[in-house]
Amino acid sequence: MTDQQLPNLEEWLNRVAEELDLPGDVVVPGPILAMTKDVAHGIVRPGAPTSSFLVGVALGRQLAEAEGTHPDPSTTAQLEGLTRRVSDLVYEVRAEAGLGEEAQES
């Protein structure tokens, strides 16, 4: 198999979602990618995938708790809110460490 035969990011994530019996509306890479960049470059690289996992767990819990209740925000909006909170935490932790808004390096 060559690289040209491999799926692009969205195709890959849709295949993963299908394999894991997840609805297609959970495939929203933008907020996760932005957050993982903040974590990887602002805190520590291995924190990026593990933070993504924690956001996924938090989103799953929110969706499970909202099941059967009145209409709630879209999955995308919930995901964006969670990833924004983690990105904000990156800047908060950097400020606490005296790094403020300096360029983030890996």
PDB file of N, CA and C in Angstrom:
ATOM      1  N   MET A   1       0.849  -1.180   0.000  1.00  0.00           N
ATOM      2  CA  MET A   1       0.000   0.000   0.000  1.00  0.00           C
ATOM      3  C   MET A   1       0.894   1.242   0.000  1.00  0.00           C
ATOM      4  N   THR A   2       0.578   2.194  -0.817  1.00  0.00           N
ATOM      5  CA  THR A   2       1.342   3.435  -0.871  1.00  0.00           C
ATOM      6  C   THR A   2       0.597   4.519  -0.108  1.00  0.00           C
ATOM      7  N   ASP A   3       1.307   5.606   0.169  1.00  0.00           N
ATOM      8  CA  ASP A   3       0.679   6.737   0.860  1.00  0.00           C
ATOM      9  C   ASP A   3      -0.515   7.263   0.078  1.00  0.00           C
ATOM     10  N   GLN A   4      -0.446   7.171  -1.250  1.00  0.00           N
ATOM     11  CA  GLN A   4      -1.533   7.676  -2.083  1.00  0.00           C
ATOM     12  C   GLN A   4      -2.802   6.855  -1.913  1.00  0.00           C
ATOM     13  N   GLN A   5      -2.673   5.641  -1.390  1.00  0.00           N
ATOM     14  CA  GLN A   5      -3.840   4.795  -1.181  1.00  0.00           C
ATOM     15  C   GLN A   5      -4.423   4.937   0.219  1.00  0.00           C
ATOM     16  N   LEU A   6      -3.702   5.616   1.081  1.00  0.00           N
ATOM     17  CA  LEU A   6      -4.172   5.786   2.448  1.00  0.00           C
ATOM     18  C   LEU A   6      -5.258   6.852   2.508  1.00  0.00           C
ATOM     19  N   PRO A   7      -6.183   6.732   3.451  1.00  0.00           N
ATOM     20  CA  PRO A   7      -7.253   7.731   3.565  1.00  0.00           C
ATOM     21  C   PRO A   7      -6.713   9.051   4.117  1.00  0.00           C
ATOM     22  N   ASN A   8      -7.429  10.136   3.811  1.00  0.00           N
ATOM     23  CA  ASN A   8      -7.072  11.415   4.426  1.00  0.00           C
ATOM     24  C   ASN A   8      -7.602  11.412   5.867  1.00  0.00           C
ATOM     25  N   LEU A   9      -7.351  12.471   6.599  1.00  0.00           N
ATOM     26  CA  LEU A   9      -7.715  12.516   8.016  1.00  0.00           C
ATOM     27  C   LEU A   9      -9.203  12.277   8.240  1.00  0.00           C
ATOM     28  N   GLU A  10     -10.045  12.998   7.511  1.00  0.00           N
ATOM     29  CA  GLU A  10     -11.487  12.865   7.713  1.00  0.00           C
ATOM     30  C   GLU A  10     -11.972  11.452   7.364  1.00  0.00           C
ATOM     31  N   GLU A  11     -11.480  10.912   6.264  1.00  0.00           N
ATOM     32  CA  GLU A  11     -11.853   9.540   5.887  1.00  0.00           C
ATOM     33  C   GLU A  11     -11.423   8.554   6.970  1.00  0.00           C
ATOM     34  N   TRP A  12     -10.194   8.726   7.472  1.00  0.00           N
ATOM     35  CA  TRP A  12      -9.689   7.840   8.516  1.00  0.00           C
ATOM     36  C   TRP A  12     -10.548   7.921   9.775  1.00  0.00           C
ATOM     37  N   LEU A  13     -10.843   9.138  10.218  1.00  0.00           N
ATOM     38  CA  LEU A  13     -11.635   9.298  11.440  1.00  0.00           C
ATOM     39  C   LEU A  13     -13.042   8.746  11.273  1.00  0.00           C
ATOM     40  N   ASN A  14     -13.612   8.904  10.092  1.00  0.00           N
ATOM     41  CA  ASN A  14     -14.935   8.322   9.840  1.00  0.00           C
ATOM     42  C   ASN A  14     -14.878   6.792   9.901  1.00  0.00           C
ATOM     43  N   ARG A  15     -13.798   6.217   9.397  1.00  0.00           N
ATOM     44  CA  ARG A  15     -13.625   4.754   9.468  1.00  0.00           C
ATOM     45  C   ARG A  15     -13.459   4.304  10.909  1.00  0.00           C
ATOM     46  N   VAL A  16     -12.686   5.057  11.687  1.00  0.00           N
ATOM     47  CA  VAL A  16     -12.510   4.721  13.100  1.00  0.00           C
ATOM     48  C   VAL A  16     -13.847   4.811  13.831  1.00  0.00           C
ATOM     49  N   ALA A  17     -14.591   5.874  13.594  1.00  0.00           N
ATOM     50  CA  ALA A  17     -15.896   6.033  14.238  1.00  0.00           C
ATOM     51  C   ALA A  17     -16.813   4.873  13.881  1.00  0.00           C
ATOM     52  N   GLU A  18     -16.826   4.507  12.620  1.00  0.00           N
ATOM     53  CA  GLU A  18     -17.647   3.381  12.181  1.00  0.00           C
ATOM     54  C   GLU A  18     -17.206   2.090  12.878  1.00  0.00           C
ATOM     55  N   GLU A  19     -15.913   1.862  12.938  1.00  0.00           N
ATOM     56  CA  GLU A  19     -15.375   0.660  13.582  1.00  0.00           C
ATOM     57  C   GLU A  19     -15.756   0.589  15.058  1.00  0.00           C
ATOM     58  N   LEU A  20     -15.819   1.752  15.715  1.00  0.00           N
ATOM     59  CA  LEU A  20     -16.140   1.807  17.138  1.00  0.00           C
ATOM     60  C   LEU A  20     -17.624   2.017  17.411  1.00  0.00           C
ATOM     61  N   ASP A  21     -18.439   1.909  16.361  1.00  0.00           N
ATOM     62  CA  ASP A  21     -19.891   2.089  16.473  1.00  0.00           C
ATOM     63  C   ASP A  21     -20.269   3.450  17.052  1.00  0.00           C
ATOM     64  N   LEU A  22     -19.586   4.489  16.581  1.00  0.00           N
ATOM     65  CA  LEU A  22     -19.875   5.846  17.013  1.00  0.00           C
ATOM     66  C   LEU A  22     -20.633   6.579  15.924  1.00  0.00           C
ATOM     67  N   PRO A  23     -21.491   7.526  16.296  1.00  0.00           N
ATOM     68  CA  PRO A  23     -22.198   8.317  15.281  1.00  0.00           C
ATOM     69  C   PRO A  23     -21.233   9.245  14.558  1.00  0.00           C
ATOM     70  N   GLY A  24     -21.523   9.532  13.316  1.00  0.00           N
ATOM     71  CA  GLY A  24     -20.656  10.377  12.500  1.00  0.00           C
ATOM     72  C   GLY A  24     -20.486  11.782  13.026  1.00  0.00           C
ATOM     73  N   ASP A  25     -21.464  12.282  13.831  1.00  0.00           N
ATOM     74  CA  ASP A  25     -21.346  13.663  14.303  1.00  0.00           C
ATOM     75  C   ASP A  25     -20.267  13.858  15.360  1.00  0.00           C
ATOM     76  N   VAL A  26     -19.628  12.784  15.795  1.00  0.00           N
ATOM     77  CA  VAL A  26     -18.520  12.945  16.747  1.00  0.00           C
ATOM     78  C   VAL A  26     -17.184  13.135  16.031  1.00  0.00           C
ATOM     79  N   VAL A  27     -17.185  13.048  14.717  1.00  0.00           N
ATOM     80  CA  VAL A  27     -15.950  13.243  13.945  1.00  0.00           C
ATOM     81  C   VAL A  27     -15.803  14.735  13.666  1.00  0.00           C
ATOM     82  N   VAL A  28     -15.096  15.412  14.573  1.00  0.00           N
ATOM     83  CA  VAL A  28     -14.878  16.854  14.484  1.00  0.00           C
ATOM     84  C   VAL A  28     -13.418  17.106  14.842  1.00  0.00           C
ATOM     85  N   PRO A  29     -12.502  16.924  13.886  1.00  0.00           N
ATOM     86  CA  PRO A  29     -11.078  17.001  14.224  1.00  0.00           C
ATOM     87  C   PRO A  29     -10.557  18.393  14.556  1.00  0.00           C
ATOM     88  N   GLY A  30     -11.150  19.432  14.033  1.00  0.00           N
ATOM     89  CA  GLY A  30     -10.614  20.789  14.219  1.00  0.00           C
ATOM     90  C   GLY A  30     -10.336  21.178  15.657  1.00  0.00           C
ATOM     91  N   PRO A  31     -11.336  21.121  16.539  1.00  0.00           N
ATOM     92  CA  PRO A  31     -11.098  21.528  17.930  1.00  0.00           C
ATOM     93  C   PRO A  31     -10.067  20.649  18.634  1.00  0.00           C
ATOM     94  N   ILE A  32     -10.083  19.367  18.361  1.00  0.00           N
ATOM     95  CA  ILE A  32      -9.119  18.454  18.993  1.00  0.00           C
ATOM     96  C   ILE A  32      -7.702  18.776  18.521  1.00  0.00           C
ATOM     97  N   LEU A  33      -7.538  19.009  17.221  1.00  0.00           N
ATOM     98  CA  LEU A  33      -6.207  19.316  16.692  1.00  0.00           C
ATOM     99  C   LEU A  33      -5.667  20.623  17.270  1.00  0.00           C
ATOM    100  N   ALA A  34      -6.517  21.625  17.387  1.00  0.00           N
ATOM    101  CA  ALA A  34      -6.075  22.904  17.948  1.00  0.00           C
ATOM    102  C   ALA A  34      -5.669  22.728  19.409  1.00  0.00           C
ATOM    103  N   MET A  35      -6.455  21.996  20.173  1.00  0.00           N
ATOM    104  CA  MET A  35      -6.152  21.776  21.574  1.00  0.00           C
ATOM    105  C   MET A  35      -4.869  20.973  21.742  1.00  0.00           C
ATOM    106  N   THR A  36      -4.708  19.904  20.946  1.00  0.00           N
ATOM    107  CA  THR A  36      -3.508  19.076  21.098  1.00  0.00           C
ATOM    108  C   THR A  36      -2.253  19.865  20.733  1.00  0.00           C
ATOM    109  N   LYS A  37      -2.366  20.785  19.788  1.00  0.00           N
ATOM    110  CA  LYS A  37      -1.222  21.643  19.449  1.00  0.00           C
ATOM    111  C   LYS A  37      -0.860  22.498  20.651  1.00  0.00           C
ATOM    112  N   ASP A  38      -1.871  23.093  21.295  1.00  0.00           N
ATOM    113  CA  ASP A  38      -1.616  23.918  22.478  1.00  0.00           C
ATOM    114  C   ASP A  38      -0.937  23.101  23.575  1.00  0.00           C
ATOM    115  N   VAL A  39      -1.438  21.905  23.833  1.00  0.00           N
ATOM    116  CA  VAL A  39      -0.878  21.064  24.890  1.00  0.00           C
ATOM    117  C   VAL A  39       0.542  20.618  24.526  1.00  0.00           C
ATOM    118  N   ALA A  40       0.715  20.123  23.307  1.00  0.00           N
ATOM    119  CA  ALA A  40       2.021  19.598  22.897  1.00  0.00           C
ATOM    120  C   ALA A  40       3.103  20.664  22.900  1.00  0.00           C
ATOM    121  N   HIS A  41       2.780  21.862  22.444  1.00  0.00           N
ATOM    122  CA  HIS A  41       3.773  22.923  22.346  1.00  0.00           C
ATOM    123  C   HIS A  41       3.824  23.797  23.598  1.00  0.00           C
ATOM    124  N   GLY A  42       2.739  23.796  24.381  1.00  0.00           N
ATOM    125  CA  GLY A  42       2.703  24.661  25.556  1.00  0.00           C
ATOM    126  C   GLY A  42       3.020  23.961  26.860  1.00  0.00           C
ATOM    127  N   ILE A  43       2.812  22.658  26.934  1.00  0.00           N
ATOM    128  CA  ILE A  43       3.041  21.919  28.174  1.00  0.00           C
ATOM    129  C   ILE A  43       4.037  20.801  27.928  1.00  0.00           C
ATOM    130  N   VAL A  44       3.569  19.693  27.338  1.00  0.00           N
ATOM    131  CA  VAL A  44       4.440  18.546  27.084  1.00  0.00           C
ATOM    132  C   VAL A  44       3.799  17.690  25.994  1.00  0.00           C
ATOM    133  N   ARG A  45       4.605  17.238  25.035  1.00  0.00           N
ATOM    134  CA  ARG A  45       4.086  16.481  23.890  1.00  0.00           C
ATOM    135  C   ARG A  45       3.202  15.291  24.274  1.00  0.00           C
ATOM    136  N   PRO A  46       3.652  14.412  25.183  1.00  0.00           N
ATOM    137  CA  PRO A  46       2.804  13.260  25.508  1.00  0.00           C
ATOM    138  C   PRO A  46       1.459  13.642  26.131  1.00  0.00           C
ATOM    139  N   GLY A  47       1.349  14.876  26.581  1.00  0.00           N
ATOM    140  CA  GLY A  47       0.076  15.326  27.136  1.00  0.00           C
ATOM    141  C   GLY A  47      -0.994  15.529  26.079  1.00  0.00           C
ATOM    142  N   ALA A  48      -0.597  15.664  24.812  1.00  0.00           N
ATOM    143  CA  ALA A  48      -1.560  15.934  23.739  1.00  0.00           C
ATOM    144  C   ALA A  48      -2.529  14.775  23.513  1.00  0.00           C
ATOM    145  N   PRO A  49      -2.049  13.560  23.234  1.00  0.00           N
ATOM    146  CA  PRO A  49      -3.008  12.478  23.008  1.00  0.00           C
ATOM    147  C   PRO A  49      -3.761  12.092  24.273  1.00  0.00           C
ATOM    148  N   THR A  50      -3.087  12.175  25.415  1.00  0.00           N
ATOM    149  CA  THR A  50      -3.776  11.795  26.644  1.00  0.00           C
ATOM    150  C   THR A  50      -4.813  12.843  27.031  1.00  0.00           C
ATOM    151  N   SER A  51      -4.564  14.108  26.746  1.00  0.00           N
ATOM    152  CA  SER A  51      -5.575  15.140  26.976  1.00  0.00           C
ATOM    153  C   SER A  51      -6.766  14.928  26.046  1.00  0.00           C
ATOM    154  N   SER A  52      -6.495  14.522  24.811  1.00  0.00           N
ATOM    155  CA  SER A  52      -7.575  14.230  23.860  1.00  0.00           C
ATOM    156  C   SER A  52      -8.457  13.100  24.379  1.00  0.00           C
ATOM    157  N   PHE A  53      -7.820  12.092  24.938  1.00  0.00           N
ATOM    158  CA  PHE A  53      -8.578  10.982  25.522  1.00  0.00           C
ATOM    159  C   PHE A  53      -9.480  11.498  26.639  1.00  0.00           C
ATOM    160  N   LEU A  54      -8.948  12.329  27.520  1.00  0.00           N
ATOM    161  CA  LEU A  54      -9.742  12.851  28.634  1.00  0.00           C
ATOM    162  C   LEU A  54     -10.909  13.699  28.136  1.00  0.00           C
ATOM    163  N   VAL A  55     -10.684  14.478  27.091  1.00  0.00           N
ATOM    164  CA  VAL A  55     -11.778  15.266  26.505  1.00  0.00           C
ATOM    165  C   VAL A  55     -12.846  14.323  25.962  1.00  0.00           C
ATOM    166  N   GLY A  56     -12.433  13.230  25.325  1.00  0.00           N
ATOM    167  CA  GLY A  56     -13.398  12.254  24.813  1.00  0.00           C
ATOM    168  C   GLY A  56     -14.220  11.618  25.928  1.00  0.00           C
ATOM    169  N   VAL A  57     -13.573  11.291  27.024  1.00  0.00           N
ATOM    170  CA  VAL A  57     -14.292  10.732  28.173  1.00  0.00           C
ATOM    171  C   VAL A  57     -15.283  11.758  28.717  1.00  0.00           C
ATOM    172  N   ALA A  58     -14.835  13.002  28.858  1.00  0.00           N
ATOM    173  CA  ALA A  58     -15.721  14.056  29.361  1.00  0.00           C
ATOM    174  C   ALA A  58     -16.918  14.265  28.440  1.00  0.00           C
ATOM    175  N   LEU A  59     -16.675  14.265  27.132  1.00  0.00           N
ATOM    176  CA  LEU A  59     -17.766  14.427  26.173  1.00  0.00           C
ATOM    177  C   LEU A  59     -18.738  13.257  26.274  1.00  0.00           C
ATOM    178  N   GLY A  60     -18.213  12.051  26.373  1.00  0.00           N
ATOM    179  CA  GLY A  60     -19.080  10.878  26.522  1.00  0.00           C
ATOM    180  C   GLY A  60     -19.950  10.972  27.759  1.00  0.00           C
ATOM    181  N   ARG A  61     -19.369  11.419  28.851  1.00  0.00           N
ATOM    182  CA  ARG A  61     -20.147  11.568  30.086  1.00  0.00           C
ATOM    183  C   ARG A  61     -21.241  12.616  29.917  1.00  0.00           C
ATOM    184  N   GLN A  62     -20.893  13.750  29.292  1.00  0.00           N
ATOM    185  CA  GLN A  62     -21.890  14.802  29.072  1.00  0.00           C
ATOM    186  C   GLN A  62     -23.038  14.287  28.216  1.00  0.00           C
ATOM    187  N   LEU A  63     -22.702  13.566  27.164  1.00  0.00           N
ATOM    188  CA  LEU A  63     -23.745  13.050  26.269  1.00  0.00           C
ATOM    189  C   LEU A  63     -24.602  12.021  26.983  1.00  0.00           C
ATOM    190  N   ALA A  64     -24.000  11.176  27.805  1.00  0.00           N
ATOM    191  CA  ALA A  64     -24.756  10.167  28.548  1.00  0.00           C
ATOM    192  C   ALA A  64     -25.677  10.821  29.571  1.00  0.00           C
ATOM    193  N   GLU A  65     -25.186  11.846  30.251  1.00  0.00           N
ATOM    194  CA  GLU A  65     -25.997  12.545  31.249  1.00  0.00           C
ATOM    195  C   GLU A  65     -27.153  13.297  30.606  1.00  0.00           C
ATOM    196  N   ALA A  66     -26.967  13.781  29.379  1.00  0.00           N
ATOM    197  CA  ALA A  66     -27.997  14.553  28.692  1.00  0.00           C
ATOM    198  C   ALA A  66     -29.027  13.664  28.016  1.00  0.00           C
ATOM    199  N   GLU A  67     -28.743  12.372  27.891  1.00  0.00           N
ATOM    200  CA  GLU A  67     -29.650  11.465  27.192  1.00  0.00           C
ATOM    201  C   GLU A  67     -31.015  11.471  27.863  1.00  0.00           C
ATOM    202  N   GLY A  68     -32.027  11.668  27.061  1.00  0.00           N
ATOM    203  CA  GLY A  68     -33.394  11.656  27.560  1.00  0.00           C
ATOM    204  C   GLY A  68     -33.858  12.976  28.140  1.00  0.00           C
ATOM    205  N   THR A  69     -33.000  13.985  28.145  1.00  0.00           N
ATOM    206  CA  THR A  69     -33.415  15.287  28.653  1.00  0.00           C
ATOM    207  C   THR A  69     -33.805  16.169  27.481  1.00  0.00           C
ATOM    208  N   HIS A  70     -34.084  17.397  27.777  1.00  0.00           N
ATOM    209  CA  HIS A  70     -34.459  18.342  26.726  1.00  0.00           C
ATOM    210  C   HIS A  70     -33.286  18.544  25.769  1.00  0.00           C
ATOM    211  N   PRO A  71     -33.554  19.119  24.604  1.00  0.00           N
ATOM    212  CA  PRO A  71     -32.479  19.316  23.625  1.00  0.00           C
ATOM    213  C   PRO A  71     -31.271  20.008  24.255  1.00  0.00           C
ATOM    214  N   ASP A  72     -30.113  19.491  23.927  1.00  0.00           N
ATOM    215  CA  ASP A  72     -28.872  20.055  24.448  1.00  0.00           C
ATOM    216  C   ASP A  72     -28.034  20.565  23.286  1.00  0.00           C
ATOM    217  N   PRO A  73     -26.937  21.260  23.590  1.00  0.00           N
ATOM    218  CA  PRO A  73     -26.091  21.756  22.498  1.00  0.00           C
ATOM    219  C   PRO A  73     -25.600  20.604  21.634  1.00  0.00           C
ATOM    220  N   SER A  74     -25.244  20.920  20.433  1.00  0.00           N
ATOM    221  CA  SER A  74     -24.756  19.895  19.517  1.00  0.00           C
ATOM    222  C   SER A  74     -23.471  19.284  20.056  1.00  0.00           C
ATOM    223  N   THR A  75     -23.174  18.096  19.571  1.00  0.00           N
ATOM    224  CA  THR A  75     -21.931  17.424  19.952  1.00  0.00           C
ATOM    225  C   THR A  75     -20.736  18.301  19.608  1.00  0.00           C
ATOM    226  N   THR A  76     -20.778  18.941  18.460  1.00  0.00           N
ATOM    227  CA  THR A  76     -19.679  19.811  18.049  1.00  0.00           C
ATOM    228  C   THR A  76     -19.498  20.953  19.033  1.00  0.00           C
ATOM    229  N   ALA A  77     -20.583  21.583  19.439  1.00  0.00           N
ATOM    230  CA  ALA A  77     -20.489  22.700  20.388  1.00  0.00           C
ATOM    231  C   ALA A  77     -19.947  22.219  21.732  1.00  0.00           C
ATOM    232  N   GLN A  78     -20.384  21.054  22.179  1.00  0.00           N
ATOM    233  CA  GLN A  78     -19.880  20.520  23.437  1.00  0.00           C
ATOM    234  C   GLN A  78     -18.383  20.230  23.328  1.00  0.00           C
ATOM    235  N   LEU A  79     -17.973  19.637  22.224  1.00  0.00           N
ATOM    236  CA  LEU A  79     -16.563  19.332  22.007  1.00  0.00           C
ATOM    237  C   LEU A  79     -15.736  20.609  21.970  1.00  0.00           C
ATOM    238  N   GLU A  80     -16.231  21.606  21.257  1.00  0.00           N
ATOM    239  CA  GLU A  80     -15.515  22.876  21.183  1.00  0.00           C
ATOM    240  C   GLU A  80     -15.365  23.503  22.567  1.00  0.00           C
ATOM    241  N   GLY A  81     -16.394  23.412  23.385  1.00  0.00           N
ATOM    242  CA  GLY A  81     -16.324  23.949  24.745  1.00  0.00           C
ATOM    243  C   GLY A  81     -15.296  23.235  25.591  1.00  0.00           C
ATOM    244  N   LEU A  82     -15.262  21.915  25.508  1.00  0.00           N
ATOM    245  CA  LEU A  82     -14.299  21.142  26.289  1.00  0.00           C
ATOM    246  C   LEU A  82     -12.864  21.415  25.836  1.00  0.00           C
ATOM    247  N   THR A  83     -12.631  21.435  24.533  1.00  0.00           N
ATOM    248  CA  THR A  83     -11.271  21.668  24.050  1.00  0.00           C
ATOM    249  C   THR A  83     -10.819  23.089  24.367  1.00  0.00           C
ATOM    250  N   ARG A  84     -11.733  24.040  24.312  1.00  0.00           N
ATOM    251  CA  ARG A  84     -11.397  25.429  24.660  1.00  0.00           C
ATOM    252  C   ARG A  84     -10.972  25.512  26.127  1.00  0.00           C
ATOM    253  N   ARG A  85     -11.672  24.773  26.994  1.00  0.00           N
ATOM    254  CA  ARG A  85     -11.313  24.771  28.420  1.00  0.00           C
ATOM    255  C   ARG A  85      -9.896  24.247  28.625  1.00  0.00           C
ATOM    256  N   VAL A  86      -9.530  23.180  27.895  1.00  0.00           N
ATOM    257  CA  VAL A  86      -8.187  22.620  28.042  1.00  0.00           C
ATOM    258  C   VAL A  86      -7.148  23.590  27.475  1.00  0.00           C
ATOM    259  N   SER A  87      -7.426  24.191  26.326  1.00  0.00           N
ATOM    260  CA  SER A  87      -6.489  25.166  25.758  1.00  0.00           C
ATOM    261  C   SER A  87      -6.310  26.355  26.703  1.00  0.00           C
ATOM    262  N   ASP A  88      -7.407  26.813  27.294  1.00  0.00           N
ATOM    263  CA  ASP A  88      -7.313  27.905  28.262  1.00  0.00           C
ATOM    264  C   ASP A  88      -6.461  27.487  29.460  1.00  0.00           C
ATOM    265  N   LEU A  89      -6.599  26.240  29.877  1.00  0.00           N
ATOM    266  CA  LEU A  89      -5.804  25.730  30.988  1.00  0.00           C
ATOM    267  C   LEU A  89      -4.314  25.747  30.651  1.00  0.00           C
ATOM    268  N   VAL A  90      -3.970  25.450  29.402  1.00  0.00           N
ATOM    269  CA  VAL A  90      -2.569  25.507  28.975  1.00  0.00           C
ATOM    270  C   VAL A  90      -2.008  26.900  29.244  1.00  0.00           C
ATOM    271  N   TYR A  91      -2.732  27.931  28.813  1.00  0.00           N
ATOM    272  CA  TYR A  91      -2.263  29.294  28.999  1.00  0.00           C
ATOM    273  C   TYR A  91      -2.225  29.677  30.475  1.00  0.00           C
ATOM    274  N   GLU A  92      -3.174  29.189  31.255  1.00  0.00           N
ATOM    275  CA  GLU A  92      -3.191  29.448  32.689  1.00  0.00           C
ATOM    276  C   GLU A  92      -1.960  28.827  33.368  1.00  0.00           C
ATOM    277  N   VAL A  93      -1.661  27.585  33.029  1.00  0.00           N
ATOM    278  CA  VAL A  93      -0.517  26.892  33.624  1.00  0.00           C
ATOM    279  C   VAL A  93       0.792  27.566  33.213  1.00  0.00           C
ATOM    280  N   ARG A  94       0.876  27.972  31.944  1.00  0.00           N
ATOM    281  CA  ARG A  94       2.085  28.662  31.483  1.00  0.00           C
ATOM    282  C   ARG A  94       2.252  29.996  32.218  1.00  0.00           C
ATOM    283  N   ALA A  95       1.159  30.704  32.448  1.00  0.00           N
ATOM    284  CA  ALA A  95       1.225  31.974  33.178  1.00  0.00           C
ATOM    285  C   ALA A  95       1.670  31.727  34.619  1.00  0.00           C
ATOM    286  N   GLU A  96       1.146  30.675  35.241  1.00  0.00           N
ATOM    287  CA  GLU A  96       1.544  30.331  36.609  1.00  0.00           C
ATOM    288  C   GLU A  96       3.036  30.017  36.671  1.00  0.00           C
ATOM    289  N   ALA A  97       3.580  29.470  35.597  1.00  0.00           N
ATOM    290  CA  ALA A  97       5.001  29.122  35.536  1.00  0.00           C
ATOM    291  C   ALA A  97       5.857  30.316  35.120  1.00  0.00           C
ATOM    292  N   GLY A  98       5.220  31.471  34.929  1.00  0.00           N
ATOM    293  CA  GLY A  98       5.954  32.670  34.542  1.00  0.00           C
ATOM    294  C   GLY A  98       6.278  32.743  33.075  1.00  0.00           C
ATOM    295  N   LEU A  99       5.602  31.947  32.254  1.00  0.00           N
ATOM    296  CA  LEU A  99       5.879  31.930  30.819  1.00  0.00           C
ATOM    297  C   LEU A  99       4.912  32.796  30.030  1.00  0.00           C
ATOM    298  N   GLY A 100       3.790  33.123  30.603  1.00  0.00           N
ATOM    299  CA  GLY A 100       2.825  34.028  29.975  1.00  0.00           C
ATOM    300  C   GLY A 100       2.530  33.710  28.538  1.00  0.00           C
ATOM    301  N   GLU A 101       2.542  34.737  27.709  1.00  0.00           N
ATOM    302  CA  GLU A 101       2.189  34.612  26.294  1.00  0.00           C
ATOM    303  C   GLU A 101       3.408  34.405  25.405  1.00  0.00           C
ATOM    304  N   GLU A 102       4.558  34.063  25.999  1.00  0.00           N
ATOM    305  CA  GLU A 102       5.750  33.842  25.188  1.00  0.00           C
ATOM    306  C   GLU A 102       5.480  32.778  24.136  1.00  0.00           C
ATOM    307  N   ALA A 103       6.285  32.794  23.113  1.00  0.00           N
ATOM    308  CA  ALA A 103       6.152  31.773  22.066  1.00  0.00           C
ATOM    309  C   ALA A 103       6.249  30.406  22.698  1.00  0.00           C
ATOM    310  N   GLN A 104       5.347  29.541  22.333  1.00  0.00           N
ATOM    311  CA  GLN A 104       5.334  28.192  22.859  1.00  0.00           C
ATOM    312  C   GLN A 104       6.228  27.333  21.997  1.00  0.00           C
ATOM    313  N   GLU A 105       7.128  26.624  22.624  1.00  0.00           N
ATOM    314  CA  GLU A 105       8.026  25.739  21.901  1.00  0.00           C
ATOM    315  C   GLU A 105       7.848  24.337  22.392  1.00  0.00           C
ATOM    316  N   SER A 106       8.162  23.377  21.533  1.00  0.00           N
ATOM    317  CA  SER A 106       8.012  21.981  21.930  1.00  0.00           C
ATOM    318  C   SER A 106       9.190  21.520  22.755  1.00  0.00           C
TER     319      SER A 106
END
